[in-house]
Amino acid sequence: EIAVYAERTDIAEEIKRLSAHLDQFRDLLQGSNARPIGRTLDF
């Protein structure tokens, strides 16, 4: 029963992906590439 609940409420993957999005967002903001990034940031 505990294993079923743990599987249903596990948010480790979401936390990891959201953290990765934050890092990518910062990289784009701080990058030296002159290409437009607005649409990428919006996505």
Full PDB file with SEQRES, HELIX, SHEET, SSBOND, CRYST1, ORIGX, SCALE, CONECT and MASTER records, all heavy atoms in Angstrom:
SEQRES   1 A   43  GLU ILE ALA VAL TYR ALA GLU ARG THR ASP ILE ALA GLU          
SEQRES   2 A   43  GLU ILE LYS ARG LEU SER ALA HIS LEU ASP GLN PHE ARG          
SEQRES   3 A   43  ASP LEU LEU GLN GLY SER ASN ALA ARG PRO ILE GLY ARG          
SEQRES   4 A   43  THR LEU ASP PHE                                              
HELIX    1 AA1 ILE A    2  THR A    9  1                                   8    
HELIX    2 AA2 ALA A   12  GLN A   30  1                                  19    
HELIX    3 AA3 GLY A   38  ASP A   42  1                                   5    
CRYST1    1.000    1.000    1.000  90.00  90.00  90.00 P 1           1          
ORIGX1      1.000000  0.000000  0.000000        0.00000                         
ORIGX2      0.000000  1.000000  0.000000        0.00000                         
ORIGX3      0.000000  0.000000  1.000000        0.00000                         
SCALE1      1.000000  0.000000  0.000000        0.00000                         
SCALE2      0.000000  1.000000  0.000000        0.00000                         
SCALE3      0.000000  0.000000  1.000000        0.00000                         
ATOM      1  N   GLU A   1       0.825  -1.211   0.000  1.00  0.00           N  
ATOM      2  CA  GLU A   1       0.000   0.000   0.000  1.00  0.00           C  
ATOM      3  C   GLU A   1       0.858   1.260   0.000  1.00  0.00           C  
ATOM      4  O   GLU A   1       0.582   2.225  -0.707  1.00  0.00           O  
ATOM      5  CB  GLU A   1      -0.919  -0.024   1.230  1.00  0.00           C  
ATOM      6  CG  GLU A   1      -1.777   1.221   1.392  1.00  0.00           C  
ATOM      7  CD  GLU A   1      -2.769   1.389   0.272  1.00  0.00           C  
ATOM      8  OE1 GLU A   1      -3.133   0.386  -0.376  1.00  0.00           O  
ATOM      9  OE2 GLU A   1      -3.200   2.545   0.021  1.00  0.00           O  
ATOM     10  N   ILE A   2       1.913   1.233   0.796  1.00  0.00           N  
ATOM     11  CA  ILE A   2       2.806   2.398   0.855  1.00  0.00           C  
ATOM     12  C   ILE A   2       3.522   2.586  -0.470  1.00  0.00           C  
ATOM     13  O   ILE A   2       3.707   3.717  -0.946  1.00  0.00           O  
ATOM     14  CB  ILE A   2       3.827   2.221   2.011  1.00  0.00           C  
ATOM     15  CG1 ILE A   2       3.091   2.225   3.359  1.00  0.00           C  
ATOM     16  CG2 ILE A   2       4.881   3.331   1.965  1.00  0.00           C  
ATOM     17  CD1 ILE A   2       3.982   1.884   4.536  1.00  0.00           C  
ATOM     18  N   ALA A   3       3.924   1.485  -1.113  1.00  0.00           N  
ATOM     19  CA  ALA A   3       4.616   1.576  -2.404  1.00  0.00           C  
ATOM     20  C   ALA A   3       3.711   2.182  -3.471  1.00  0.00           C  
ATOM     21  O   ALA A   3       4.158   2.988  -4.301  1.00  0.00           O  
ATOM     22  CB  ALA A   3       5.100   0.191  -2.830  1.00  0.00           C  
ATOM     23  N   VAL A   4       2.438   1.785  -3.468  1.00  0.00           N  
ATOM     24  CA  VAL A   4       1.492   2.343  -4.437  1.00  0.00           C  
ATOM     25  C   VAL A   4       1.333   3.838  -4.218  1.00  0.00           C  
ATOM     26  O   VAL A   4       1.319   4.635  -5.175  1.00  0.00           O  
ATOM     27  CB  VAL A   4       0.127   1.622  -4.328  1.00  0.00           C  
ATOM     28  CG1 VAL A   4      -0.932   2.350  -5.163  1.00  0.00           C  
ATOM     29  CG2 VAL A   4       0.255   0.180  -4.775  1.00  0.00           C  
ATOM     30  N   TYR A   5       1.209   4.257  -2.986  1.00  0.00           N  
ATOM     31  CA  TYR A   5       1.064   5.686  -2.682  1.00  0.00           C  
ATOM     32  C   TYR A   5       2.317   6.465  -3.088  1.00  0.00           C  
ATOM     33  O   TYR A   5       2.236   7.555  -3.652  1.00  0.00           O  
ATOM     34  CB  TYR A   5       0.792   5.870  -1.184  1.00  0.00           C  
ATOM     35  CG  TYR A   5       0.642   7.311  -0.767  1.00  0.00           C  
ATOM     36  CD1 TYR A   5      -0.571   7.975  -0.924  1.00  0.00           C  
ATOM     37  CD2 TYR A   5       1.721   8.015  -0.232  1.00  0.00           C  
ATOM     38  CE1 TYR A   5      -0.712   9.289  -0.544  1.00  0.00           C  
ATOM     39  CE2 TYR A   5       1.593   9.333   0.152  1.00  0.00           C  
ATOM     40  CZ  TYR A   5       0.374   9.967  -0.013  1.00  0.00           C  
ATOM     41  OH  TYR A   5       0.243  11.275   0.364  1.00  0.00           O  
ATOM     42  N   ALA A   6       3.481   5.869  -2.785  1.00  0.00           N  
ATOM     43  CA  ALA A   6       4.741   6.534  -3.118  1.00  0.00           C  
ATOM     44  C   ALA A   6       4.884   6.727  -4.624  1.00  0.00           C  
ATOM     45  O   ALA A   6       5.348   7.770  -5.103  1.00  0.00           O  
ATOM     46  CB  ALA A   6       5.917   5.727  -2.571  1.00  0.00           C  
ATOM     47  N   GLU A   7       4.473   5.714  -5.391  1.00  0.00           N  
ATOM     48  CA  GLU A   7       4.553   5.819  -6.844  1.00  0.00           C  
ATOM     49  C   GLU A   7       3.610   6.903  -7.366  1.00  0.00           C  
ATOM     50  O   GLU A   7       3.955   7.660  -8.275  1.00  0.00           O  
ATOM     51  CB  GLU A   7       4.200   4.466  -7.464  1.00  0.00           C  
ATOM     52  CG  GLU A   7       4.224   4.445  -8.985  1.00  0.00           C  
ATOM     53  CD  GLU A   7       5.616   4.622  -9.547  1.00  0.00           C  
ATOM     54  OE1 GLU A   7       6.603   4.325  -8.829  1.00  0.00           O  
ATOM     55  OE2 GLU A   7       5.728   5.057 -10.711  1.00  0.00           O  
ATOM     56  N   ARG A   8       2.426   6.977  -6.786  1.00  0.00           N  
ATOM     57  CA  ARG A   8       1.425   7.945  -7.247  1.00  0.00           C  
ATOM     58  C   ARG A   8       1.809   9.380  -6.902  1.00  0.00           C  
ATOM     59  O   ARG A   8       1.475  10.310  -7.629  1.00  0.00           O  
ATOM     60  CB  ARG A   8       0.079   7.589  -6.633  1.00  0.00           C  
ATOM     61  CG  ARG A   8      -1.080   8.408  -7.187  1.00  0.00           C  
ATOM     62  CD  ARG A   8      -2.420   7.874  -6.722  1.00  0.00           C  
ATOM     63  NE  ARG A   8      -2.589   7.999  -5.281  1.00  0.00           N  
ATOM     64  CZ  ARG A   8      -2.633   6.997  -4.426  1.00  0.00           C  
ATOM     65  NH1 ARG A   8      -2.517   5.746  -4.882  1.00  0.00           N  
ATOM     66  NH2 ARG A   8      -2.793   7.176  -3.130  1.00  0.00           N  
ATOM     67  N   THR A   9       2.507   9.591  -5.816  1.00  0.00           N  
ATOM     68  CA  THR A   9       2.832  10.950  -5.366  1.00  0.00           C  
ATOM     69  C   THR A   9       4.297  11.335  -5.589  1.00  0.00           C  
ATOM     70  O   THR A   9       4.727  12.392  -5.126  1.00  0.00           O  
ATOM     71  CB  THR A   9       2.500  11.093  -3.866  1.00  0.00           C  
ATOM     72  OG1 THR A   9       3.280  10.150  -3.122  1.00  0.00           O  
ATOM     73  CG2 THR A   9       1.016  10.865  -3.625  1.00  0.00           C  
ATOM     74  N   ASP A  10       5.030  10.488  -6.285  1.00  0.00           N  
ATOM     75  CA  ASP A  10       6.454  10.786  -6.509  1.00  0.00           C  
ATOM     76  C   ASP A  10       6.609  11.993  -7.451  1.00  0.00           C  
ATOM     77  O   ASP A  10       6.093  11.992  -8.577  1.00  0.00           O  
ATOM     78  CB  ASP A  10       7.143   9.564  -7.106  1.00  0.00           C  
ATOM     79  CG  ASP A  10       8.628   9.811  -7.328  1.00  0.00           C  
ATOM     80  OD1 ASP A  10       9.218  10.584  -6.554  1.00  0.00           O  
ATOM     81  OD2 ASP A  10       9.181   9.245  -8.292  1.00  0.00           O  
ATOM     82  N   ILE A  11       7.324  13.012  -7.003  1.00  0.00           N  
ATOM     83  CA  ILE A  11       7.519  14.226  -7.806  1.00  0.00           C  
ATOM     84  C   ILE A  11       9.001  14.477  -8.080  1.00  0.00           C  
ATOM     85  O   ILE A  11       9.378  15.577  -8.491  1.00  0.00           O  
ATOM     86  CB  ILE A  11       6.898  15.456  -7.115  1.00  0.00           C  
ATOM     87  CG1 ILE A  11       7.475  15.625  -5.692  1.00  0.00           C  
ATOM     88  CG2 ILE A  11       5.374  15.356  -7.082  1.00  0.00           C  
ATOM     89  CD1 ILE A  11       7.004  16.879  -4.991  1.00  0.00           C  
ATOM     90  N   ALA A  12       9.827  13.465  -7.880  1.00  0.00           N  
ATOM     91  CA  ALA A  12      11.268  13.652  -8.079  1.00  0.00           C  
ATOM     92  C   ALA A  12      11.589  14.036  -9.527  1.00  0.00           C  
ATOM     93  O   ALA A  12      12.437  14.904  -9.781  1.00  0.00           O  
ATOM     94  CB  ALA A  12      12.013  12.375  -7.682  1.00  0.00           C  
ATOM     95  N   GLU A  13      10.920  13.384 -10.487  1.00  0.00           N  
ATOM     96  CA  GLU A  13      11.181  13.682 -11.901  1.00  0.00           C  
ATOM     97  C   GLU A  13      10.808  15.116 -12.235  1.00  0.00           C  
ATOM     98  O   GLU A  13      11.530  15.821 -12.941  1.00  0.00           O  
ATOM     99  CB  GLU A  13      10.389  12.711 -12.788  1.00  0.00           C  
ATOM    100  CG  GLU A  13      10.890  11.291 -12.792  1.00  0.00           C  
ATOM    101  CD  GLU A  13      12.186  11.139 -13.579  1.00  0.00           C  
ATOM    102  OE1 GLU A  13      12.461  12.006 -14.438  1.00  0.00           O  
ATOM    103  OE2 GLU A  13      12.925  10.172 -13.322  1.00  0.00           O  
ATOM    104  N   GLU A  14       9.666  15.557 -11.734  1.00  0.00           N  
ATOM    105  CA  GLU A  14       9.210  16.922 -12.014  1.00  0.00           C  
ATOM    106  C   GLU A  14      10.153  17.957 -11.392  1.00  0.00           C  
ATOM    107  O   GLU A  14      10.451  18.985 -12.015  1.00  0.00           O  
ATOM    108  CB  GLU A  14       7.789  17.128 -11.483  1.00  0.00           C  
ATOM    109  CG  GLU A  14       6.710  16.424 -12.282  1.00  0.00           C  
ATOM    110  CD  GLU A  14       6.661  14.918 -12.000  1.00  0.00           C  
ATOM    111  OE1 GLU A  14       7.309  14.465 -11.044  1.00  0.00           O  
ATOM    112  OE2 GLU A  14       5.970  14.211 -12.767  1.00  0.00           O  
ATOM    113  N   ILE A  15      10.605  17.680 -10.188  1.00  0.00           N  
ATOM    114  CA  ILE A  15      11.549  18.599  -9.531  1.00  0.00           C  
ATOM    115  C   ILE A  15      12.840  18.692 -10.336  1.00  0.00           C  
ATOM    116  O   ILE A  15      13.387  19.789 -10.549  1.00  0.00           O  
ATOM    117  CB  ILE A  15      11.838  18.124  -8.087  1.00  0.00           C  
ATOM    118  CG1 ILE A  15      10.589  18.265  -7.217  1.00  0.00           C  
ATOM    119  CG2 ILE A  15      13.000  18.923  -7.487  1.00  0.00           C  
ATOM    120  CD1 ILE A  15      10.745  17.676  -5.823  1.00  0.00           C  
ATOM    121  N   LYS A  16      13.305  17.551 -10.816  1.00  0.00           N  
ATOM    122  CA  LYS A  16      14.549  17.527 -11.595  1.00  0.00           C  
ATOM    123  C   LYS A  16      14.405  18.290 -12.894  1.00  0.00           C  
ATOM    124  O   LYS A  16      15.278  19.075 -13.280  1.00  0.00           O  
ATOM    125  CB  LYS A  16      14.944  16.075 -11.870  1.00  0.00           C  
ATOM    126  CG  LYS A  16      16.281  15.916 -12.568  1.00  0.00           C  
ATOM    127  CD  LYS A  16      16.648  14.445 -12.704  1.00  0.00           C  
ATOM    128  CE  LYS A  16      18.008  14.287 -13.389  1.00  0.00           C  
ATOM    129  NZ  LYS A  16      18.377  12.857 -13.523  1.00  0.00           N  
ATOM    130  N   ARG A  17      13.286  18.068 -13.595  1.00  0.00           N  
ATOM    131  CA  ARG A  17      13.087  18.766 -14.869  1.00  0.00           C  
ATOM    132  C   ARG A  17      12.908  20.267 -14.661  1.00  0.00           C  
ATOM    133  O   ARG A  17      13.446  21.073 -15.435  1.00  0.00           O  
ATOM    134  CB  ARG A  17      11.875  18.180 -15.604  1.00  0.00           C  
ATOM    135  CG  ARG A  17      12.141  16.835 -16.255  1.00  0.00           C  
ATOM    136  CD  ARG A  17      11.052  16.486 -17.259  1.00  0.00           C  
ATOM    137  NE  ARG A  17       9.774  16.288 -16.585  1.00  0.00           N  
ATOM    138  CZ  ARG A  17       9.322  15.098 -16.184  1.00  0.00           C  
ATOM    139  NH1 ARG A  17      10.063  14.016 -16.358  1.00  0.00           N  
ATOM    140  NH2 ARG A  17       8.138  14.986 -15.612  1.00  0.00           N  
ATOM    141  N   LEU A  18      12.164  20.657 -13.650  1.00  0.00           N  
ATOM    142  CA  LEU A  18      11.974  22.085 -13.388  1.00  0.00           C  
ATOM    143  C   LEU A  18      13.299  22.751 -13.038  1.00  0.00           C  
ATOM    144  O   LEU A  18      13.596  23.862 -13.487  1.00  0.00           O  
ATOM    145  CB  LEU A  18      10.962  22.282 -12.258  1.00  0.00           C  
ATOM    146  CG  LEU A  18      10.621  23.736 -11.875  1.00  0.00           C  
ATOM    147  CD1 LEU A  18      10.235  24.547 -13.095  1.00  0.00           C  
ATOM    148  CD2 LEU A  18       9.508  23.751 -10.832  1.00  0.00           C  
ATOM    149  N   SER A  19      14.129  22.064 -12.266  1.00  0.00           N  
ATOM    150  CA  SER A  19      15.446  22.596 -11.936  1.00  0.00           C  
ATOM    151  C   SER A  19      16.310  22.746 -13.188  1.00  0.00           C  
ATOM    152  O   SER A  19      17.028  23.741 -13.351  1.00  0.00           O  
ATOM    153  CB  SER A  19      16.133  21.675 -10.922  1.00  0.00           C  
ATOM    154  OG  SER A  19      17.420  22.150 -10.594  1.00  0.00           O  
ATOM    155  N   ALA A  20      16.215  21.764 -14.100  1.00  0.00           N  
ATOM    156  CA  ALA A  20      16.982  21.847 -15.345  1.00  0.00           C  
ATOM    157  C   ALA A  20      16.500  23.013 -16.211  1.00  0.00           C  
ATOM    158  O   ALA A  20      17.302  23.706 -16.847  1.00  0.00           O  
ATOM    159  CB  ALA A  20      16.854  20.537 -16.119  1.00  0.00           C  
ATOM    160  N   HIS A  21      15.189  23.255 -16.233  1.00  0.00           N  
ATOM    161  CA  HIS A  21      14.649  24.395 -16.986  1.00  0.00           C  
ATOM    162  C   HIS A  21      15.167  25.718 -16.417  1.00  0.00           C  
ATOM    163  O   HIS A  21      15.478  26.648 -17.172  1.00  0.00           O  
ATOM    164  CB  HIS A  21      13.124  24.374 -16.943  1.00  0.00           C  
ATOM    165  CG  HIS A  21      12.507  23.250 -17.719  1.00  0.00           C  
ATOM    166  ND1 HIS A  21      13.116  22.668 -18.809  1.00  0.00           N  
ATOM    167  CD2 HIS A  21      11.320  22.590 -17.558  1.00  0.00           C  
ATOM    168  CE1 HIS A  21      12.348  21.713 -19.290  1.00  0.00           C  
ATOM    169  NE2 HIS A  21      11.256  21.647 -18.552  1.00  0.00           N  
ATOM    170  N   LEU A  22      15.264  25.796 -15.100  1.00  0.00           N  
ATOM    171  CA  LEU A  22      15.799  27.010 -14.479  1.00  0.00           C  
ATOM    172  C   LEU A  22      17.237  27.259 -14.917  1.00  0.00           C  
ATOM    173  O   LEU A  22      17.614  28.390 -15.246  1.00  0.00           O  
ATOM    174  CB  LEU A  22      15.735  26.904 -12.947  1.00  0.00           C  
ATOM    175  CG  LEU A  22      14.351  26.955 -12.293  1.00  0.00           C  
ATOM    176  CD1 LEU A  22      14.465  26.699 -10.805  1.00  0.00           C  
ATOM    177  CD2 LEU A  22      13.695  28.300 -12.553  1.00  0.00           C  
ATOM    178  N   ASP A  23      18.035  26.218 -14.924  1.00  0.00           N  
ATOM    179  CA  ASP A  23      19.434  26.353 -15.344  1.00  0.00           C  
ATOM    180  C   ASP A  23      19.525  26.789 -16.808  1.00  0.00           C  
ATOM    181  O   ASP A  23      20.336  27.657 -17.161  1.00  0.00           O  
ATOM    182  CB  ASP A  23      20.175  25.026 -15.146  1.00  0.00           C  
ATOM    183  CG  ASP A  23      20.331  24.667 -13.681  1.00  0.00           C  
ATOM    184  OD1 ASP A  23      20.242  25.586 -12.835  1.00  0.00           O  
ATOM    185  OD2 ASP A  23      20.532  23.469 -13.381  1.00  0.00           O  
ATOM    186  N   GLN A  24      18.701  26.164 -17.660  1.00  0.00           N  
ATOM    187  CA  GLN A  24      18.734  26.528 -19.080  1.00  0.00           C  
ATOM    188  C   GLN A  24      18.268  27.966 -19.282  1.00  0.00           C  
ATOM    189  O   GLN A  24      18.823  28.696 -20.114  1.00  0.00           O  
ATOM    190  CB  GLN A  24      17.841  25.578 -19.875  1.00  0.00           C  
ATOM    191  CG  GLN A  24      17.948  25.779 -21.388  1.00  0.00           C  
ATOM    192  CD  GLN A  24      17.124  24.770 -22.165  1.00  0.00           C  
ATOM    193  OE1 GLN A  24      16.439  23.921 -21.590  1.00  0.00           O  
ATOM    194  NE2 GLN A  24      17.172  24.870 -23.483  1.00  0.00           N  
ATOM    195  N   PHE A  25      17.279  28.388 -18.520  1.00  0.00           N  
ATOM    196  CA  PHE A  25      16.784  29.760 -18.614  1.00  0.00           C  
ATOM    197  C   PHE A  25      17.905  30.743 -18.276  1.00  0.00           C  
ATOM    198  O   PHE A  25      18.119  31.742 -18.990  1.00  0.00           O  
ATOM    199  CB  PHE A  25      15.610  29.940 -17.647  1.00  0.00           C  
ATOM    200  CG  PHE A  25      14.545  30.866 -18.138  1.00  0.00           C  
ATOM    201  CD1 PHE A  25      13.350  30.382 -18.628  1.00  0.00           C  
ATOM    202  CD2 PHE A  25      14.727  32.236 -18.105  1.00  0.00           C  
ATOM    203  CE1 PHE A  25      12.361  31.244 -19.072  1.00  0.00           C  
ATOM    204  CE2 PHE A  25      13.749  33.103 -18.543  1.00  0.00           C  
ATOM    205  CZ  PHE A  25      12.562  32.600 -19.034  1.00  0.00           C  
ATOM    206  N   ARG A  26      18.623  30.457 -17.207  1.00  0.00           N  
ATOM    207  CA  ARG A  26      19.730  31.346 -16.808  1.00  0.00           C  
ATOM    208  C   ARG A  26      20.835  31.360 -17.863  1.00  0.00           C  
ATOM    209  O   ARG A  26      21.413  32.410 -18.148  1.00  0.00           O  
ATOM    210  CB  ARG A  26      20.286  30.899 -15.460  1.00  0.00           C  
ATOM    211  CG  ARG A  26      19.384  31.163 -14.265  1.00  0.00           C  
ATOM    212  CD  ARG A  26      20.159  31.008 -12.959  1.00  0.00           C  
ATOM    213  NE  ARG A  26      19.341  31.264 -11.797  1.00  0.00           N  
ATOM    214  CZ  ARG A  26      18.703  30.327 -11.103  1.00  0.00           C  
ATOM    215  NH1 ARG A  26      18.817  29.055 -11.478  1.00  0.00           N  
ATOM    216  NH2 ARG A  26      17.975  30.627 -10.048  1.00  0.00           N  
ATOM    217  N   ASP A  27      21.126  30.196 -18.416  1.00  0.00           N  
ATOM    218  CA  ASP A  27      22.173  30.124 -19.448  1.00  0.00           C  
ATOM    219  C   ASP A  27      21.814  30.995 -20.648  1.00  0.00           C  
ATOM    220  O   ASP A  27      22.677  31.679 -21.215  1.00  0.00           O  
ATOM    221  CB  ASP A  27      22.384  28.676 -19.890  1.00  0.00           C  
ATOM    222  CG  ASP A  27      23.038  27.831 -18.818  1.00  0.00           C  
ATOM    223  OD1 ASP A  27      23.639  28.411 -17.892  1.00  0.00           O  
ATOM    224  OD2 ASP A  27      22.940  26.589 -18.900  1.00  0.00           O  
ATOM    225  N   LEU A  28      20.554  30.967 -21.051  1.00  0.00           N  
ATOM    226  CA  LEU A  28      20.123  31.775 -22.187  1.00  0.00           C  
ATOM    227  C   LEU A  28      20.203  33.266 -21.875  1.00  0.00           C  
ATOM    228  O   LEU A  28      20.625  34.071 -22.714  1.00  0.00           O  
ATOM    229  CB  LEU A  28      18.695  31.403 -22.585  1.00  0.00           C  
ATOM    230  CG  LEU A  28      18.513  30.047 -23.278  1.00  0.00           C  
ATOM    231  CD1 LEU A  28      17.044  29.696 -23.397  1.00  0.00           C  
ATOM    232  CD2 LEU A  28      19.171  30.073 -24.657  1.00  0.00           C  
ATOM    233  N   LEU A  29      19.811  33.646 -20.670  1.00  0.00           N  
ATOM    234  CA  LEU A  29      19.853  35.058 -20.288  1.00  0.00           C  
ATOM    235  C   LEU A  29      21.284  35.580 -20.220  1.00  0.00           C  
ATOM    236  O   LEU A  29      21.556  36.732 -20.555  1.00  0.00           O  
ATOM    237  CB  LEU A  29      19.166  35.270 -18.940  1.00  0.00           C  
ATOM    238  CG  LEU A  29      17.647  35.119 -18.899  1.00  0.00           C  
ATOM    239  CD1 LEU A  29      17.138  35.297 -17.471  1.00  0.00           C  
ATOM    240  CD2 LEU A  29      16.973  36.128 -19.825  1.00  0.00           C  
ATOM    241  N   GLN A  30      22.199  34.728 -19.782  1.00  0.00           N  
ATOM    242  CA  GLN A  30      23.583  35.158 -19.596  1.00  0.00           C  
ATOM    243  C   GLN A  30      24.454  34.871 -20.805  1.00  0.00           C  
ATOM    244  O   GLN A  30      25.632  35.245 -20.822  1.00  0.00           O  
ATOM    245  CB  GLN A  30      24.167  34.452 -18.365  1.00  0.00           C  
ATOM    246  CG  GLN A  30      23.442  34.788 -17.073  1.00  0.00           C  
ATOM    247  CD  GLN A  30      23.861  33.909 -15.910  1.00  0.00           C  
ATOM    248  OE1 GLN A  30      24.737  33.050 -16.058  1.00  0.00           O  
ATOM    249  NE2 GLN A  30      23.238  34.095 -14.754  1.00  0.00           N  
ATOM    250  N   GLY A  31      23.910  34.209 -21.813  1.00  0.00           N  
ATOM    251  CA  GLY A  31      24.704  33.837 -22.979  1.00  0.00           C  
ATOM    252  C   GLY A  31      25.129  35.039 -23.794  1.00  0.00           C  
ATOM    253  O   GLY A  31      24.497  36.099 -23.782  1.00  0.00           O  
ATOM    254  N   SER A  32      26.212  34.883 -24.525  1.00  0.00           N  
ATOM    255  CA  SER A  32      26.769  35.968 -25.356  1.00  0.00           C  
ATOM    256  C   SER A  32      26.298  35.866 -26.806  1.00  0.00           C  
ATOM    257  O   SER A  32      26.659  36.708 -27.627  1.00  0.00           O  
ATOM    258  CB  SER A  32      28.301  35.908 -25.323  1.00  0.00           C  
ATOM    259  OG  SER A  32      28.776  34.639 -25.758  1.00  0.00           O  
ATOM    260  N   ASN A  33      25.515  34.839 -27.123  1.00  0.00           N  
ATOM    261  CA  ASN A  33      25.017  34.677 -28.487  1.00  0.00           C  
ATOM    262  C   ASN A  33      24.042  35.808 -28.819  1.00  0.00           C  
ATOM    263  O   ASN A  33      23.130  36.108 -28.044  1.00  0.00           O  
ATOM    264  CB  ASN A  33      24.309  33.321 -28.623  1.00  0.00           C  
ATOM    265  CG  ASN A  33      24.131  32.940 -30.087  1.00  0.00           C  
ATOM    266  OD1 ASN A  33      23.887  33.791 -30.934  1.00  0.00           O  
ATOM    267  ND2 ASN A  33      24.267  31.656 -30.372  1.00  0.00           N  
ATOM    268  N   ALA A  34      24.231  36.426 -29.967  1.00  0.00           N  
ATOM    269  CA  ALA A  34      23.413  37.580 -30.339  1.00  0.00           C  
ATOM    270  C   ALA A  34      22.063  37.187 -30.934  1.00  0.00           C  
ATOM    271  O   ALA A  34      21.239  38.054 -31.202  1.00  0.00           O  
ATOM    272  CB  ALA A  34      24.167  38.453 -31.343  1.00  0.00           C  
ATOM    273  N   ARG A  35      21.816  35.904 -31.136  1.00  0.00           N  
ATOM    274  CA  ARG A  35      20.554  35.500 -31.757  1.00  0.00           C  
ATOM    275  C   ARG A  35      19.386  35.766 -30.807  1.00  0.00           C  
ATOM    276  O   ARG A  35      19.539  35.731 -29.576  1.00  0.00           O  
ATOM    277  CB  ARG A  35      20.594  34.025 -32.127  1.00  0.00           C  
ATOM    278  CG  ARG A  35      20.653  33.080 -30.939  1.00  0.00           C  
ATOM    279  CD  ARG A  35      20.719  31.631 -31.379  1.00  0.00           C  
ATOM    280  NE  ARG A  35      20.793  30.726 -30.244  1.00  0.00           N  
ATOM    281  CZ  ARG A  35      19.736  30.290 -29.576  1.00  0.00           C  
ATOM    282  NH1 ARG A  35      18.537  30.693 -29.931  1.00  0.00           N  
ATOM    283  NH2 ARG A  35      19.884  29.463 -28.565  1.00  0.00           N  
ATOM    284  N   PRO A  36      18.189  36.011 -31.335  1.00  0.00           N  
ATOM    285  CA  PRO A  36      17.012  36.253 -30.489  1.00  0.00           C  
ATOM    286  C   PRO A  36      16.681  35.037 -29.632  1.00  0.00           C  
ATOM    287  O   PRO A  36      16.760  33.894 -30.091  1.00  0.00           O  
ATOM    288  CB  PRO A  36      15.895  36.535 -31.509  1.00  0.00           C  
ATOM    289  CG  PRO A  36      16.605  36.981 -32.749  1.00  0.00           C  
ATOM    290  CD  PRO A  36      17.895  36.217 -32.770  1.00  0.00           C  
ATOM    291  N   ILE A  37      16.328  35.268 -28.387  1.00  0.00           N  
ATOM    292  CA  ILE A  37      16.015  34.159 -27.469  1.00  0.00           C  
ATOM    293  C   ILE A  37      14.613  34.288 -26.885  1.00  0.00           C  
ATOM    294  O   ILE A  37      14.198  33.439 -26.094  1.00  0.00           O  
ATOM    295  CB  ILE A  37      17.039  34.099 -26.312  1.00  0.00           C  
ATOM    296  CG1 ILE A  37      17.000  35.405 -25.502  1.00  0.00           C  
ATOM    297  CG2 ILE A  37      18.434  33.816 -26.836  1.00  0.00           C  
ATOM    298  CD1 ILE A  37      17.834  35.342 -24.229  1.00  0.00           C  
ATOM    299  N   GLY A  38      13.874  35.322 -27.250  1.00  0.00           N  
ATOM    300  CA  GLY A  38      12.579  35.572 -26.633  1.00  0.00           C  
ATOM    301  C   GLY A  38      11.614  34.407 -26.766  1.00  0.00           C  
ATOM    302  O   GLY A  38      10.983  33.982 -25.787  1.00  0.00           O  
ATOM    303  N   ARG A  39      11.485  33.851 -27.974  1.00  0.00           N  
ATOM    304  CA  ARG A  39      10.548  32.746 -28.177  1.00  0.00           C  
ATOM    305  C   ARG A  39      10.995  31.489 -27.426  1.00  0.00           C  
ATOM    306  O   ARG A  39      10.165  30.723 -26.934  1.00  0.00           O  
ATOM    307  CB  ARG A  39      10.393  32.461 -29.671  1.00  0.00           C  
ATOM    308  CG  ARG A  39       9.634  33.549 -30.422  1.00  0.00           C  
ATOM    309  CD  ARG A  39       9.227  33.072 -31.817  1.00  0.00           C  
ATOM    310  NE  ARG A  39       8.466  34.096 -32.511  1.00  0.00           N  
ATOM    311  CZ  ARG A  39       8.983  35.013 -33.313  1.00  0.00           C  
ATOM    312  NH1 ARG A  39      10.278  35.030 -33.526  1.00  0.00           N  
ATOM    313  NH2 ARG A  39       8.224  35.913 -33.896  1.00  0.00           N  
ATOM    314  N   THR A  40      12.306  31.266 -27.359  1.00  0.00           N  
ATOM    315  CA  THR A  40      12.814  30.116 -26.603  1.00  0.00           C  
ATOM    316  C   THR A  40      12.487  30.258 -25.127  1.00  0.00           C  
ATOM    317  O   THR A  40      12.072  29.297 -24.464  1.00  0.00           O  
ATOM    318  CB  THR A  40      14.337  29.972 -26.791  1.00  0.00           C  
ATOM    319  OG1 THR A  40      14.645  29.883 -28.182  1.00  0.00           O  
ATOM    320  CG2 THR A  40      14.859  28.734 -26.080  1.00  0.00           C  
ATOM    321  N   LEU A  41      12.657  31.470 -24.594  1.00  0.00           N  
ATOM    322  CA  LEU A  41      12.331  31.711 -23.190  1.00  0.00           C  
ATOM    323  C   LEU A  41      10.838  31.525 -22.937  1.00  0.00           C  
ATOM    324  O   LEU A  41      10.431  30.983 -21.896  1.00  0.00           O  
ATOM    325  CB  LEU A  41      12.754  33.120 -22.784  1.00  0.00           C  
ATOM    326  CG  LEU A  41      14.259  33.428 -22.833  1.00  0.00           C  
ATOM    327  CD1 LEU A  41      14.522  34.851 -22.372  1.00  0.00           C  
ATOM    328  CD2 LEU A  41      15.046  32.441 -21.972  1.00  0.00           C  
ATOM    329  N   ASP A  42      10.031  31.979 -23.869  1.00  0.00           N  
ATOM    330  CA  ASP A  42       8.582  31.818 -23.741  1.00  0.00           C  
ATOM    331  C   ASP A  42       8.214  30.338 -23.685  1.00  0.00           C  
ATOM    332  O   ASP A  42       7.374  29.909 -22.875  1.00  0.00           O  
ATOM    333  CB  ASP A  42       7.893  32.501 -24.922  1.00  0.00           C  
ATOM    334  CG  ASP A  42       6.399  32.657 -24.708  1.00  0.00           C  
ATOM    335  OD1 ASP A  42       5.975  32.660 -23.533  1.00  0.00           O  
ATOM    336  OD2 ASP A  42       5.665  32.785 -25.696  1.00  0.00           O  
ATOM    337  N   PHE A  43       8.842  29.532 -24.545  1.00  0.00           N  
ATOM    338  CA  PHE A  43       8.580  28.087 -24.548  1.00  0.00           C  
ATOM    339  C   PHE A  43       9.040  27.453 -23.232  1.00  0.00           C  
ATOM    340  O   PHE A  43       8.329  26.620 -22.640  1.00  0.00           O  
ATOM    341  CB  PHE A  43       9.303  27.433 -25.725  1.00  0.00           C  
ATOM    342  CG  PHE A  43       9.257  25.936 -25.708  1.00  0.00           C  
ATOM    343  CD1 PHE A  43       8.118  25.255 -26.097  1.00  0.00           C  
ATOM    344  CD2 PHE A  43      10.364  25.205 -25.287  1.00  0.00           C  
ATOM    345  CE1 PHE A  43       8.071  23.862 -26.073  1.00  0.00           C  
ATOM    346  CE2 PHE A  43      10.330  23.819 -25.255  1.00  0.00           C  
ATOM    347  CZ  PHE A  43       9.178  23.146 -25.657  1.00  0.00           C  
TER     348      PHE A  43                                                      
MASTER        0    0    0    3    0    0    0    6  347    1    0    4          
END                                                                             
